[in-house]
Protein backbone atom coordinates (compact mmCIF):
# COMPACT_ATOMS: atom_id res chain seq x y z
CA MET A 1 239.94 161.52 171.64
CA ASN A 2 239.92 158.04 173.24
CA SER A 3 243.19 156.20 172.43
CA HIS A 4 241.36 152.87 172.11
CA GLU A 5 238.95 154.37 169.55
CA VAL A 6 241.83 156.00 167.66
CA ARG A 7 243.64 152.64 167.51
CA LYS A 8 240.46 150.92 166.32
CA GLY A 9 239.90 153.64 163.72
CA SER A 10 243.47 153.28 162.46
CA ILE A 11 242.98 149.53 162.01
CA PHE A 12 239.70 150.14 160.16
CA ILE A 13 241.17 152.69 157.75
CA ILE A 14 244.37 150.75 157.05
CA THR A 15 242.25 147.67 156.27
CA ALA A 16 240.01 149.75 153.98
CA TYR A 17 242.97 151.17 152.05
CA ILE A 18 244.62 147.76 151.70
CA LEU A 19 241.36 146.34 150.32
CA TRP A 20 241.10 149.22 147.85
CA GLY A 21 244.74 148.69 146.89
CA PHE A 22 244.09 145.04 146.06
CA PHE A 23 240.88 145.79 144.11
CA PRO A 24 242.66 145.34 140.74
CA LEU A 25 243.40 141.69 141.57
CA TYR A 26 239.69 141.10 142.23
CA TRP A 27 238.37 142.81 139.12
CA ALA A 28 241.06 141.14 137.00
CA GLN A 29 239.28 137.84 137.70
CA LEU A 30 236.49 139.19 135.50
CA SER A 31 238.77 139.95 132.54
CA ASP A 32 236.47 137.99 130.21
CA VAL A 33 233.58 140.32 131.08
CA SER A 34 233.33 143.79 129.49
CA SER A 35 234.03 146.86 131.65
CA ILE A 36 230.52 148.24 131.17
CA GLU A 37 228.93 144.94 132.22
CA ILE A 38 231.13 144.75 135.34
CA ILE A 39 230.04 148.29 136.28
CA ALA A 40 226.39 147.29 135.87
CA TYR A 41 226.89 144.38 138.29
CA ARG A 42 228.87 146.52 140.71
CA ILE A 43 226.06 149.10 140.88
CA LEU A 44 223.26 146.55 141.05
CA PHE A 45 224.73 144.35 143.79
CA SER A 46 226.00 147.35 145.75
CA PHE A 47 222.46 148.71 145.80
CA LEU A 48 221.03 145.33 146.84
CA MET A 49 223.53 145.10 149.72
CA CYS A 50 222.70 148.65 150.79
CA PHE A 51 218.99 147.90 150.60
CA VAL A 52 219.36 144.79 152.78
CA TYR A 53 221.37 146.83 155.29
CA LEU A 54 218.72 149.58 155.39
CA VAL A 55 215.91 147.04 155.85
CA PHE A 56 217.83 145.39 158.69
CA LYS A 57 218.51 148.76 160.36
CA LYS A 58 214.99 150.03 159.59
CA GLU A 59 216.40 153.09 157.83
CA LEU A 60 214.52 152.99 154.50
CA SER A 61 213.33 156.52 155.21
CA VAL A 62 216.66 157.70 153.74
CA PHE A 63 215.05 157.39 150.27
CA ALA A 64 212.71 160.25 151.21
CA VAL A 65 215.55 162.51 150.04
CA PHE A 66 214.27 161.94 146.48
CA LYS A 67 211.18 164.01 147.33
CA ASN A 68 213.45 167.05 147.25
CA GLY A 69 214.11 168.04 143.63
CA ARG A 70 217.31 169.96 144.34
CA ALA A 71 218.72 167.13 146.48
CA THR A 72 217.85 164.63 143.73
CA LEU A 73 219.76 166.68 141.15
CA GLN A 74 222.75 166.81 143.49
CA ILE A 75 222.63 163.03 143.98
CA LEU A 76 222.34 162.58 140.20
CA LEU A 77 225.48 164.68 139.68
CA ILE A 78 227.42 162.82 142.40
CA SER A 79 226.23 159.46 141.03
CA SER A 80 227.36 160.40 137.52
CA LEU A 81 230.86 161.16 138.82
CA LEU A 82 230.86 157.85 140.70
CA PHE A 83 229.83 155.99 137.53
CA ILE A 84 232.60 157.61 135.46
CA ASN A 85 235.17 156.92 138.20
CA TRP A 86 234.18 153.28 138.62
CA PHE A 87 234.04 152.65 134.86
CA THR A 88 237.45 154.26 134.28
CA PHE A 89 238.99 152.21 137.09
CA ILE A 90 237.53 148.91 135.81
CA PHE A 91 238.62 149.81 132.27
CA ALA A 92 242.15 150.49 133.56
CA VAL A 93 242.30 147.14 135.38
CA THR A 94 241.00 145.10 132.45
CA ASN A 95 243.36 146.88 130.01
CA ASN A 96 246.60 146.54 132.04
CA MET A 97 246.69 150.18 133.20
CA VAL A 98 246.65 149.65 136.97
CA ILE A 99 249.78 151.77 137.53
CA ASP A 100 248.13 154.71 135.73
CA ALA A 101 245.10 154.19 138.00
CA GLY A 102 247.32 154.28 141.08
CA MET A 103 248.87 157.55 139.87
CA GLY A 104 245.35 158.98 139.56
CA TYR A 105 244.58 158.30 143.23
CA TYR A 106 247.95 159.75 144.25
CA LEU A 107 246.89 162.95 142.51
CA ASN A 108 243.51 163.06 144.25
CA PRO A 109 244.50 165.25 147.26
CA LEU A 110 246.29 167.67 144.92
CA VAL A 111 243.25 167.83 142.62
CA SER A 112 241.20 168.62 145.73
CA ILE A 113 243.50 171.61 146.36
CA LEU A 114 242.85 172.92 142.83
CA LEU A 115 239.09 172.42 143.19
CA GLY A 116 239.19 174.21 146.54
CA ILE A 117 240.80 177.22 144.84
CA ILE A 118 238.32 177.25 141.94
CA PHE A 119 235.04 176.48 143.72
CA LEU A 120 235.59 177.34 147.39
CA LYS A 121 237.93 180.33 146.89
CA GLU A 122 240.45 178.75 149.25
CA LYS A 123 243.95 180.20 149.48
CA LEU A 124 247.13 178.14 149.25
CA GLY A 125 250.13 178.30 151.54
CA LYS A 126 253.65 178.28 150.10
CA LEU A 127 254.08 174.52 150.69
CA GLN A 128 250.79 173.76 148.94
CA ILE A 129 251.76 175.92 145.96
CA ALA A 130 255.06 174.04 145.77
CA ALA A 131 253.21 170.70 146.04
CA PHE A 132 250.82 171.57 143.24
CA THR A 133 253.69 172.80 141.03
CA LEU A 134 255.64 169.56 141.55
CA ALA A 135 252.60 167.44 140.67
CA ALA A 136 252.00 169.47 137.51
CA MET A 137 255.68 169.04 136.55
CA GLY A 138 255.31 165.27 137.04
CA LEU A 139 252.35 165.11 134.66
CA ILE A 140 254.05 167.34 132.10
CA TYR A 141 257.17 165.16 132.24
CA TYR A 142 255.01 162.04 131.74
CA VAL A 143 253.31 163.52 128.65
CA ILE A 144 256.63 164.60 127.09
CA ALA A 145 258.60 161.43 127.96
CA MET A 146 255.87 158.87 127.18
CA GLY A 147 254.37 160.76 124.25
CA VAL A 148 250.82 160.16 125.52
CA ILE A 149 248.37 161.95 127.79
CA PRO A 150 247.77 159.86 130.96
CA TYR A 151 243.99 160.11 130.56
CA ILE A 152 243.30 157.33 133.09
CA THR A 153 245.33 159.20 135.72
CA ILE A 154 243.63 162.52 134.95
CA ILE A 155 240.07 161.15 134.79
CA LEU A 156 240.38 159.18 138.04
CA GLY A 157 242.04 162.02 139.94
CA THR A 158 239.55 164.61 138.65
CA THR A 159 236.32 162.61 139.05
CA PHE A 160 237.22 161.45 142.56
CA GLY A 161 238.22 165.00 143.51
CA LEU A 162 234.91 166.38 142.20
CA TYR A 163 233.05 163.53 143.91
CA GLY A 164 234.62 164.54 147.22
CA LEU A 165 233.88 168.23 146.60
CA PHE A 166 230.16 167.70 146.02
CA LYS A 167 229.94 165.15 148.84
CA LYS A 168 231.02 167.91 151.24
CA LYS A 169 227.55 169.41 150.82
CA SER A 170 225.79 166.11 151.51
CA THR A 171 224.31 165.49 154.96
CA LEU A 172 224.05 161.73 154.43
CA SER A 173 226.35 159.20 156.12
CA GLY A 174 228.60 156.89 154.08
CA ILE A 175 226.20 153.93 153.76
CA HIS A 176 223.15 156.18 153.30
CA SER A 177 224.94 158.18 150.63
CA MET A 178 225.99 155.04 148.78
CA SER A 179 222.41 153.73 149.05
CA VAL A 180 220.84 156.70 147.27
CA GLU A 181 223.69 157.00 144.74
CA THR A 182 223.44 153.34 143.68
CA ALA A 183 219.63 153.56 143.78
CA ILE A 184 219.63 156.31 141.18
CA LEU A 185 222.13 154.34 139.04
CA THR A 186 220.36 150.97 139.32
CA PRO A 187 217.92 151.64 136.41
CA VAL A 188 220.96 152.48 134.29
CA SER A 189 222.68 149.22 135.29
CA LEU A 190 219.53 147.21 134.44
CA LEU A 191 219.30 148.95 131.05
CA ILE A 192 222.96 148.11 130.35
CA LEU A 193 222.40 144.44 131.20
CA PHE A 194 219.24 144.35 129.09
CA LEU A 195 221.02 145.82 126.05
CA ILE A 196 223.96 143.42 126.45
CA SER A 197 221.61 140.43 126.77
CA LYS A 198 219.98 141.33 123.43
CA ASP A 199 223.28 140.78 121.57
CA SER A 200 224.92 138.12 123.74
CA SER A 201 224.58 136.25 127.02
CA ILE A 202 225.37 138.10 130.22
CA ALA A 203 228.02 136.70 132.56
CA LEU A 204 225.58 136.29 135.46
CA VAL A 205 223.56 133.79 133.41
CA SER A 206 226.08 132.05 131.16
CA GLY A 207 229.43 132.67 132.88
CA HIS A 208 231.58 130.07 134.60
CA ALA A 209 230.84 129.35 138.26
CA LYS A 210 233.86 131.42 139.38
CA THR A 211 232.75 134.38 137.27
CA VAL A 212 229.20 134.25 138.67
CA VAL A 213 230.53 134.17 142.26
CA PHE A 214 232.84 137.16 141.65
CA VAL A 215 229.96 139.07 140.03
CA ILE A 216 227.56 138.43 142.93
CA LEU A 217 230.19 139.39 145.53
CA ALA A 218 230.81 142.71 143.75
CA GLY A 219 228.45 144.48 146.16
CA ILE A 220 230.17 143.22 149.32
CA VAL A 221 233.62 143.94 147.88
CA THR A 222 232.54 147.49 147.04
CA LEU A 223 230.83 148.26 150.36
CA ALA A 224 233.19 146.59 152.85
CA PRO A 225 236.04 149.15 152.57
CA LEU A 226 233.52 151.99 152.32
CA ILE A 227 231.89 151.04 155.65
CA LEU A 228 235.31 150.58 157.28
CA PHE A 229 236.36 154.00 155.98
CA ALA A 230 233.18 155.67 157.25
CA GLU A 231 233.65 154.16 160.72
CA ALA A 232 237.34 155.08 160.77
CA THR A 233 236.79 158.77 159.97
CA LYS A 234 234.61 159.06 163.08
CA ARG A 235 237.50 157.88 165.26
CA ILE A 236 240.75 159.34 163.93
CA PRO A 237 242.06 162.84 163.07
CA LEU A 238 241.69 164.05 159.48
CA VAL A 239 245.47 164.46 159.19
CA ARG A 240 245.92 160.74 159.77
CA VAL A 241 243.18 159.95 157.24
CA GLY A 242 244.96 162.09 154.63
CA PHE A 243 248.35 160.52 155.29
CA LEU A 244 247.10 156.92 155.34
CA GLN A 245 245.18 157.38 152.08
CA LEU A 246 248.55 156.99 150.32
CA ILE A 247 248.38 153.26 151.16
CA ALA A 248 245.78 152.47 148.47
CA PRO A 249 247.58 153.87 145.40
CA THR A 250 250.88 152.44 146.66
CA MET A 251 249.24 149.02 146.85
CA MET A 252 247.87 149.57 143.34
CA LEU A 253 251.38 150.22 142.02
CA ILE A 254 252.57 147.01 143.64
CA THR A 255 249.53 145.16 142.30
CA GLY A 256 250.13 146.51 138.79
CA TYR A 257 253.74 145.31 138.95
CA ILE A 258 252.58 141.86 140.17
CA MET A 259 250.13 141.74 137.24
CA GLY A 260 253.05 142.23 134.85
CA GLU A 261 252.74 145.91 133.95
CA GLU A 262 255.87 147.77 132.88
CA PHE A 263 257.33 150.00 135.59
CA SER A 264 259.50 152.14 133.31
CA LEU A 265 262.07 154.74 134.38
CA ASN A 266 259.87 157.52 132.97
CA ARG A 267 256.97 156.38 135.17
CA ILE A 268 259.25 156.27 138.21
CA ILE A 269 260.50 159.82 137.52
CA SER A 270 256.95 161.08 137.02
CA LEU A 271 255.88 159.38 140.26
CA ALA A 272 258.87 160.89 142.08
CA PHE A 273 257.49 164.36 141.31
CA ILE A 274 254.05 163.31 142.58
CA TRP A 275 255.49 161.66 145.72
CA GLY A 276 257.48 164.81 146.43
CA ALA A 277 254.31 166.87 146.02
CA LEU A 278 252.46 164.61 148.46
CA VAL A 279 255.27 164.92 151.03
CA LEU A 280 255.00 168.72 150.86
CA TYR A 281 251.19 168.50 151.03
CA THR A 282 251.33 166.25 154.11
CA ILE A 283 253.82 168.58 155.82
CA SER A 284 251.55 171.57 155.13
CA ILE A 285 248.58 169.77 156.74
CA ILE A 286 250.62 168.72 159.77
CA LYS A 287 251.95 172.27 160.19
CA GLY A 288 248.42 173.61 159.83
CA GLY A 289 247.20 171.24 162.56
CA ILE A 290 250.03 172.27 164.90
CA ASN A 291 249.35 175.98 164.29
CA ASP A 292 245.63 175.47 164.98
CA ARG A 293 246.39 173.73 168.29
CA GLU A 294 248.80 176.50 169.31
CA ASN A 295 246.23 179.18 168.44
CA ASN A 296 243.56 177.35 170.44
CA LYS A 297 245.88 177.11 173.46
CA ARG A 298 246.69 180.83 173.20
CA LEU A 299 243.01 181.76 172.99
CA THR A 300 242.20 179.52 175.95
CA THR A 301 244.98 181.14 178.00
CA GLU A 302 243.81 184.63 177.06
CA ARG A 303 240.23 183.82 178.07
CA GLY A 304 241.51 182.37 181.37
């Protein structure tokens, strides 16, 4: 792999994760707008940005995928998970639960392990079993110590894990995938805005100038890190992608603290379990990569 391309890919993915980490600060600027209305704008303007991109690149043929009934059902399922994930995240930001959201994205790779066992019949190594056990202990401790179920953490980690699982079967690239997913959700977003407008004014029409600008830029803000991420994954090893993905939730924790959320001792202890699980998970991936390279070298030598 070309070192220049790897370096460029690393810059792309670090930038993407930092942008995702600072997302709460952006959406917090729309605190006077309801979570469901923000989601409607995010879907609508994301689709419009995708559509403009496809027109410019002359790639509108991607929408031909809707001619296939089975593919359409798959996109509908993936889009539903995306909607739930986005809504939960916006709800968390606008209700001072950014730290819980960050914990959810920390859990994502571990949720992916569980989904791999259930749906793909994958087997775990000893380190991965230990990682999953530690993460479970962290959540159990949180429930007992805080007296509440961290539903934001669980919903975000689960929906994003399922989203990734079903995306594995998709043959579409990042921008094409987002185009068809937001396309299928756009009628829903328009219906939401219509229903809101019947009872009160929508922010896009009656909001302050700052609010209107933040609403319109929702599409660019959503797509920019996605495009950077898609380009990065073409250039750098998957191990590095997995390790660097910890940047985003870490930034969210910092952002939540900046926004005045309580960083209690119980949260820190719960996070310590999850961080420990992620360390073990990362080590297992690195060891797996080293073993694969050694096996490939041995096979090459034997063939020679």
